[in-house]
Protein backbone atom coordinates (compact mmCIF):
# COMPACT_ATOMS: atom_id res chain seq x y z
CA MET A 1 -17.69 21.06 14.29
CA LYS A 2 -15.04 20.99 11.57
CA VAL A 3 -13.33 17.60 11.25
CA VAL A 4 -10.35 16.62 9.09
CA LEU A 5 -9.71 12.93 8.43
CA PHE A 6 -6.43 11.59 7.05
CA CYS A 7 -5.49 8.23 5.60
CA PRO A 8 -1.72 8.38 5.05
CA PRO A 9 -0.10 6.26 2.36
CA MET A 10 2.54 3.65 2.81
CA HIS A 11 5.94 5.07 1.97
CA PRO A 12 5.63 6.04 -1.73
CA GLN A 13 8.68 4.00 -2.61
CA LEU A 14 6.95 0.89 -1.25
CA GLU A 15 3.38 1.54 -2.31
CA GLY A 16 2.48 -0.36 -5.45
CA ASP A 17 -0.09 0.30 -8.13
CA ALA A 18 -2.60 -1.95 -6.39
CA MET A 19 -2.97 0.55 -3.54
CA ARG A 20 -4.21 3.18 -5.98
CA VAL A 21 -7.41 1.26 -6.61
CA VAL A 22 -8.11 0.44 -2.96
CA PRO A 23 -10.04 3.33 -1.44
CA PRO A 24 -9.69 3.84 2.31
CA LEU A 25 -13.34 3.12 3.06
CA GLY A 26 -13.01 3.59 6.82
CA VAL A 27 -12.33 7.33 6.68
CA TYR A 28 -15.04 7.82 4.05
CA ILE A 29 -17.65 5.95 6.12
CA ILE A 30 -16.73 7.89 9.26
CA GLY A 31 -16.78 11.11 7.26
CA ALA A 32 -20.24 10.32 5.86
CA LYS A 33 -21.62 9.55 9.32
CA LEU A 34 -20.18 12.78 10.70
CA ARG A 35 -21.72 14.75 7.81
CA GLN A 36 -25.08 13.13 8.50
CA ALA A 37 -24.74 14.37 12.07
CA GLY A 38 -24.22 17.91 10.77
CA HIS A 39 -20.46 18.25 10.97
CA GLN A 40 -18.23 19.75 8.28
CA VAL A 41 -15.79 17.04 7.16
CA THR A 42 -12.76 17.01 4.88
CA VAL A 43 -11.11 13.71 3.96
CA TYR A 44 -7.55 13.45 2.65
CA ASP A 45 -6.98 9.92 1.42
CA HIS A 46 -3.68 8.18 0.65
CA GLN A 47 -3.74 9.17 -3.02
CA THR A 48 -4.11 12.87 -2.22
CA LEU A 49 -1.50 12.82 0.54
CA ARG A 50 1.13 11.22 -1.70
CA ASN A 51 1.36 14.64 -3.37
CA TYR A 52 2.64 16.09 -0.09
CA PHE A 53 5.37 13.53 0.54
CA SER A 54 8.59 12.85 -1.31
CA ASP A 55 11.28 12.32 1.32
CA ALA A 56 9.39 14.16 4.08
CA TRP A 57 5.94 15.60 4.66
CA ASP A 58 5.27 19.09 3.39
CA GLU A 59 4.70 20.42 6.91
CA GLN A 60 3.27 23.74 5.75
CA ALA A 61 0.64 21.94 3.66
CA ILE A 62 -0.35 19.76 6.63
CA HIS A 63 -0.61 22.86 8.82
CA SER A 64 -2.91 24.55 6.32
CA MET A 65 -5.13 21.44 6.06
CA ILE A 66 -5.84 21.44 9.79
CA ASN A 67 -5.60 25.19 10.44
CA ASP A 68 -9.20 25.68 11.58
CA ALA A 69 -10.15 22.07 12.38
CA ASP A 70 -11.81 21.25 15.67
CA ALA A 71 -10.88 17.57 15.42
CA VAL A 72 -8.38 15.54 13.41
CA GLY A 73 -8.56 11.80 12.77
CA ILE A 74 -5.87 9.60 11.26
CA SER A 75 -6.49 6.12 9.91
CA SER A 76 -3.45 3.88 9.91
CA ASN A 77 -2.33 0.28 9.72
CA SER A 78 1.04 -1.41 10.07
CA PHE A 79 1.97 -0.49 6.49
CA SER A 80 1.25 3.23 6.86
CA TRP A 81 2.20 3.67 10.52
CA GLY A 82 5.59 5.26 9.75
CA LEU A 83 4.09 8.16 7.82
CA ALA A 84 1.10 8.38 10.18
CA LYS A 85 3.48 8.83 13.11
CA LYS A 86 5.30 11.65 11.32
CA MET A 87 1.95 13.26 10.51
CA ILE A 88 0.92 13.05 14.18
CA GLU A 89 4.15 14.81 15.18
CA ILE A 90 3.53 17.60 12.66
CA ILE A 91 -0.08 18.06 13.75
CA LYS A 92 0.90 18.09 17.41
CA SER A 93 3.62 20.69 16.77
CA CYS A 94 1.25 23.12 15.12
CA ARG A 95 -1.61 22.66 17.59
CA TYR A 96 0.30 23.10 20.85
């Protein structure tokens, strides 16, 4: 199974330098466990995803990231929920 895991950033205008040195361990641990079970996993962490957001998500880029995925996971907390919600809407629109 091909799995794509996302960890969206806080809004880039709010995210400080401290967030750059805090890796989102949850998605990496889940990704490692899925790989051990034989699945193909791609992880897009908050640093990578900042490149696809200025005032709005680059919807085409998100579509291409999940194009052939069997499962998509999104890690979020109260600080990143706003962008995670937008990402969920984009993923839902291209999958259904």
